[in-house]
Protein backbone atom coordinates (compact mmCIF):
# COMPACT_ATOMS: atom_id res chain seq x y z
CA MET A 1 -28.29 104.72 -32.68
CA ASN A 2 -30.89 102.90 -34.78
CA ALA A 3 -28.85 100.97 -37.22
CA SER A 4 -29.94 100.70 -40.91
CA PRO A 5 -31.25 97.19 -42.29
CA VAL A 6 -28.60 94.95 -43.09
CA LYS A 7 -29.24 91.21 -44.80
CA THR A 8 -28.67 88.81 -41.63
CA ASP A 9 -26.64 85.63 -42.04
CA PRO A 10 -28.98 82.85 -40.53
CA ARG A 11 -26.40 81.49 -38.30
CA TYR A 12 -27.01 84.39 -35.97
CA TYR A 13 -30.25 83.28 -34.83
CA ALA A 14 -28.88 79.81 -34.39
CA VAL A 15 -26.40 81.62 -31.88
CA VAL A 16 -29.50 83.31 -30.08
CA ASP A 17 -31.07 79.91 -29.86
CA GLY A 18 -27.92 77.98 -28.60
CA THR A 19 -26.43 80.51 -26.29
CA TRP A 20 -30.11 81.75 -24.62
CA PRO A 21 -32.18 78.39 -24.92
CA PRO A 22 -35.69 77.41 -24.51
CA ALA A 23 -36.65 75.07 -22.04
CA TYR A 24 -38.06 73.02 -24.78
CA LYS A 25 -38.95 73.30 -28.63
CA ARG A 26 -40.50 71.20 -31.13
CA ASP A 27 -41.80 71.47 -34.78
CA LEU A 28 -45.37 71.63 -35.59
CA GLY A 29 -45.42 71.75 -39.42
CA PRO A 30 -43.20 74.92 -40.77
CA ILE A 31 -43.49 76.49 -37.32
CA THR A 32 -40.81 75.80 -34.29
CA LEU A 33 -42.60 76.38 -30.92
CA ARG A 34 -40.57 77.27 -27.63
CA GLN A 35 -41.48 76.88 -24.33
CA GLY A 36 -39.80 79.60 -22.73
CA GLN A 37 -40.84 78.81 -18.75
CA GLY A 38 -41.00 82.81 -18.32
CA GLY A 39 -37.43 83.42 -19.42
CA GLY A 40 -38.58 86.32 -21.96
CA SER A 41 -39.41 86.53 -25.62
CA ARG A 42 -36.42 85.15 -27.02
CA VAL A 43 -37.02 81.74 -25.43
CA SER A 44 -40.77 81.77 -25.65
CA ALA A 45 -41.40 83.03 -29.57
CA ALA A 46 -42.08 80.72 -32.37
CA THR A 47 -40.57 80.83 -35.81
CA ALA A 48 -41.01 80.05 -39.29
CA ASN A 49 -38.47 76.84 -40.94
CA GLY A 50 -40.51 77.12 -44.04
CA PRO A 51 -43.03 78.73 -46.02
CA VAL A 52 -46.03 79.10 -43.39
CA SER A 53 -49.95 79.49 -44.07
CA THR A 54 -52.93 80.39 -42.19
CA ASP A 55 -53.85 76.72 -41.79
CA ASP A 56 -50.20 76.59 -40.05
CA ILE A 57 -50.98 79.58 -37.83
CA THR A 58 -54.06 78.70 -36.10
CA PRO A 59 -52.73 75.16 -34.67
CA ALA A 60 -49.52 77.07 -33.48
CA GLU A 61 -51.33 79.42 -31.67
CA ALA A 62 -53.67 76.90 -29.80
CA ALA A 63 -50.18 75.47 -28.81
CA MET A 64 -48.80 78.43 -27.76
CA GLN A 65 -51.99 78.70 -25.58
CA ASP A 66 -52.02 75.21 -24.39
CA MET A 67 -48.02 76.26 -23.00
CA GLY A 68 -49.72 78.86 -21.04
CA GLN A 69 -47.78 81.65 -23.28
CA ASP A 70 -48.56 84.87 -25.29
CA LEU A 71 -48.99 84.71 -28.95
CA LEU A 72 -45.41 85.62 -30.11
CA PHE A 73 -43.59 85.10 -33.13
CA MET A 74 -39.75 86.07 -33.73
CA ILE A 75 -39.82 87.41 -37.18
CA ARG A 76 -36.50 87.11 -39.48
CA ASP A 77 -35.07 87.85 -42.38
CA GLY A 78 -37.19 86.35 -45.29
CA ASP A 79 -40.27 86.10 -43.09
CA ASP A 80 -41.80 88.94 -44.84
CA ALA A 81 -44.80 86.84 -45.83
CA LEU A 82 -45.35 85.52 -42.24
CA ASP A 83 -45.03 89.17 -41.01
CA ALA A 84 -47.74 90.28 -43.24
CA GLN A 85 -50.13 87.02 -42.26
CA LEU A 86 -49.63 87.88 -38.66
CA GLU A 87 -50.41 91.74 -39.03
CA ALA A 88 -53.46 90.68 -40.97
CA ARG A 89 -54.48 88.51 -37.94
CA GLY A 90 -54.25 91.46 -35.32
CA TYR A 91 -50.65 91.02 -34.40
CA VAL A 92 -48.21 94.04 -33.61
CA ILE A 93 -44.49 94.59 -33.83
CA LYS A 94 -42.53 94.22 -30.52
CA ASP A 95 -39.12 94.93 -29.94
CA PRO A 96 -37.08 95.31 -33.07
CA VAL A 97 -33.59 94.49 -32.28
CA ASN A 98 -30.32 94.66 -33.48
CA VAL A 99 -27.47 92.07 -34.01
CA TRP A 100 -23.89 93.44 -33.34
CA SER A 101 -20.55 91.33 -33.84
CA CYS A 102 -16.82 91.77 -34.13
CA ALA A 103 -13.84 89.55 -33.84
CA PRO A 104 -13.07 89.36 -30.25
CA GLU A 105 -9.49 90.61 -30.94
CA VAL A 106 -11.07 94.02 -31.86
CA LEU A 107 -11.60 94.88 -28.47
CA THR A 108 -8.67 93.02 -26.55
CA ASP A 109 -6.49 96.23 -27.92
CA VAL A 110 -7.06 98.08 -24.58
CA ALA A 111 -5.56 96.70 -20.91
CA ILE A 112 -8.67 96.36 -18.71
CA PRO A 113 -7.83 98.23 -15.45
CA ARG A 114 -6.95 96.00 -12.25
CA VAL A 115 -10.16 94.64 -10.25
CA THR A 116 -12.39 96.49 -12.94
CA THR A 117 -13.99 93.42 -14.38
CA PHE A 118 -13.95 89.58 -13.86
CA CYS A 119 -15.22 86.28 -15.08
CA VAL A 120 -17.10 83.66 -12.80
CA TRP A 121 -19.09 80.70 -13.01
CA GLU A 122 -21.10 80.09 -11.21
CA PRO A 123 -22.62 83.47 -10.49
CA LEU A 124 -21.96 85.12 -7.30
CA GLU A 125 -25.14 86.15 -5.17
CA ILE A 126 -24.16 89.89 -5.85
CA GLN A 127 -24.57 89.05 -9.58
CA ARG A 128 -27.87 88.00 -9.05
CA GLU A 129 -29.04 90.52 -6.99
CA ILE A 130 -27.98 93.13 -9.92
CA TRP A 131 -29.87 91.02 -12.33
CA ILE A 132 -32.88 91.11 -10.09
CA ALA A 133 -32.68 94.75 -9.70
CA GLY A 134 -32.51 95.06 -13.38
CA GLY A 135 -35.66 92.87 -14.09
CA ILE A 136 -33.71 89.59 -14.58
CA GLY A 137 -35.41 87.16 -12.45
CA PRO A 138 -35.14 83.37 -11.56
CA ALA A 139 -36.69 82.55 -14.73
CA ARG A 140 -33.88 84.33 -17.29
CA MET A 141 -31.28 83.20 -14.75
CA ALA A 142 -32.52 79.36 -15.49
CA VAL A 143 -31.94 80.19 -19.44
CA MET A 144 -28.33 80.79 -18.22
CA GLU A 145 -28.19 77.50 -16.18
CA ARG A 146 -29.31 75.51 -19.48
CA ALA A 147 -27.07 76.96 -21.71
CA LYS A 148 -24.47 74.10 -22.97
CA GLY A 149 -21.03 74.56 -23.73
CA PRO A 150 -18.51 77.05 -22.44
CA LYS A 151 -20.15 80.16 -20.43
CA THR A 152 -19.37 82.72 -17.98
CA ALA A 153 -20.84 85.35 -16.15
CA LEU A 154 -19.20 88.66 -15.83
CA LEU A 155 -18.44 91.08 -12.90
CA GLY A 156 -18.04 94.90 -12.85
CA ARG A 157 -16.82 97.02 -9.95
CA TYR A 158 -16.26 100.73 -9.87
CA ASN A 159 -14.84 102.39 -6.81
CA ASP A 160 -14.45 98.97 -5.10
CA LYS A 161 -18.20 98.68 -5.43
CA PRO A 162 -20.03 96.02 -7.49
CA ALA A 163 -21.33 97.79 -10.79
CA GLY A 164 -22.74 95.26 -13.09
CA THR A 165 -23.04 91.84 -14.58
CA GLY A 166 -23.56 90.01 -17.76
CA PHE A 167 -23.84 86.34 -19.03
CA VAL A 168 -21.83 85.16 -22.06
CA ALA A 169 -21.92 81.78 -23.77
CA ILE A 170 -20.57 80.47 -26.65
CA HIS A 171 -22.09 78.30 -29.86
CA ASP A 172 -20.61 77.48 -33.10
CA GLY A 173 -17.50 79.38 -32.30
CA VAL A 174 -19.42 82.63 -31.35
CA ALA A 175 -19.15 84.34 -27.75
CA MET A 176 -22.58 86.04 -27.34
CA ILE A 177 -23.11 88.01 -24.42
CA HIS A 178 -26.94 88.67 -22.87
CA ALA A 179 -28.24 90.03 -19.75
CA LEU A 180 -25.75 92.92 -19.57
CA GLU A 181 -27.11 95.13 -16.63
CA ILE A 182 -25.36 98.01 -14.94
CA LEU A 183 -26.75 99.43 -11.64
CA PRO A 184 -28.23 102.51 -12.21
CA HIS A 185 -25.86 104.65 -10.13
CA GLN A 186 -23.01 103.44 -11.82
CA ARG A 187 -23.87 104.10 -15.18
CA ARG A 188 -22.10 106.46 -17.43
CA LYS A 189 -18.99 105.54 -16.01
CA GLY A 190 -17.57 103.29 -18.59
CA MET A 191 -18.70 100.09 -17.03
CA GLY A 192 -20.37 98.86 -20.13
CA ALA A 193 -17.57 98.88 -22.07
CA TRP A 194 -15.23 97.57 -19.69
CA MET A 195 -17.54 94.38 -19.46
CA VAL A 196 -17.79 94.05 -23.27
CA ARG A 197 -14.06 94.12 -23.14
CA GLN A 198 -13.93 91.19 -20.67
CA ALA A 199 -16.49 89.26 -22.41
CA ALA A 200 -13.88 89.71 -25.75
CA PHE A 201 -10.94 88.75 -23.62
CA TRP A 202 -12.71 85.59 -22.28
CA ALA A 203 -13.77 84.87 -25.95
CA VAL A 204 -9.97 84.76 -27.07
CA GLU A 205 -9.31 82.52 -24.16
CA GLN A 206 -11.95 80.31 -25.11
CA GLY A 207 -11.17 80.17 -28.68
CA ALA A 208 -13.93 81.65 -30.21
CA ARG A 209 -13.40 83.58 -33.39
CA GLU A 210 -16.75 85.92 -33.06
CA LEU A 211 -18.12 88.15 -30.38
CA ALA A 212 -21.95 89.00 -30.74
CA LEU A 213 -24.85 90.53 -29.01
CA VAL A 214 -28.52 91.43 -29.61
CA CYS A 215 -29.82 94.87 -28.43
CA THR A 216 -33.14 96.71 -28.92
CA LYS A 217 -33.18 99.19 -31.69
CA ALA A 218 -35.02 101.46 -29.06
CA ASN A 219 -32.15 101.58 -26.75
CA ALA A 220 -29.83 104.29 -28.70
CA GLY A 221 -27.28 104.44 -25.95
CA ALA A 222 -26.41 100.87 -25.76
CA ASN A 223 -26.42 100.86 -29.68
CA GLY A 224 -24.14 103.70 -29.91
CA LEU A 225 -21.83 102.23 -27.53
CA TYR A 226 -21.24 98.96 -29.79
CA ALA A 227 -20.51 100.99 -32.62
CA SER A 228 -17.88 103.03 -30.77
CA LEU A 229 -16.44 100.12 -29.73
CA GLY A 230 -15.83 99.01 -33.64
CA MET A 231 -18.57 96.29 -33.64
CA ARG A 232 -20.31 96.07 -36.49
CA HIS A 233 -24.30 96.04 -37.45
CA VAL A 234 -24.81 92.31 -38.84
CA GLY A 235 -28.59 91.60 -38.65
CA GLN A 236 -31.92 92.28 -36.95
CA TYR A 237 -35.04 90.90 -36.32
CA HIS A 238 -38.23 91.63 -34.21
CA TYR A 239 -41.47 89.98 -32.80
CA ARG A 240 -45.10 90.29 -33.38
CA HIS A 241 -47.48 89.45 -30.51
CA LYS A 242 -51.15 89.47 -30.69
CA PRO A 243 -52.67 91.86 -27.59
């Protein structure tokens, strides 16, 4: 499922930043730079905090190169002018993303079967192994460690065997799920849905008013799952990077 465009509430961008934080960020004119230390696009992309001109982009590019990072911008709603400027400079679109959200109570209407899902923090070694198997290595786990406020790691089990893991953190009353990973041989068994529901139960316990997550538009299966659970498509963004 590739959800249709909707106007994005800017607070979701703040939730992404707050629950999956960069190692460091600073403003350079109207551009916010992030140092991700290998933690992926979300923690490494520059963003606009006002109108941007070509004279602003050039020093931002130099700063990203000084940090040893790729030239990468996150394009949010209202960034059409920046998007066009970057395209003219040879930047290409990377990883268009959907934002999904619902009240957590929407997903607590069904009891989770015993010993199917758990919340633990710090993550267990088996959870770290599942993340690593899915390409989520130490640099991304360091992002989880940096997150402030309430947070937990999800553990899913199927037939008494580890099945998946995920990370949930809260910012400004919104619990956001990140790094949801199901082992290949445990997929198509409903584990993704149970783990999202476990995140919802945890969010309610923590007093969060909303449960959210982001998913690449290309991941049709996951987008379909979130829609089928009753989550709403509430926004999007994409990246521009210079090959």
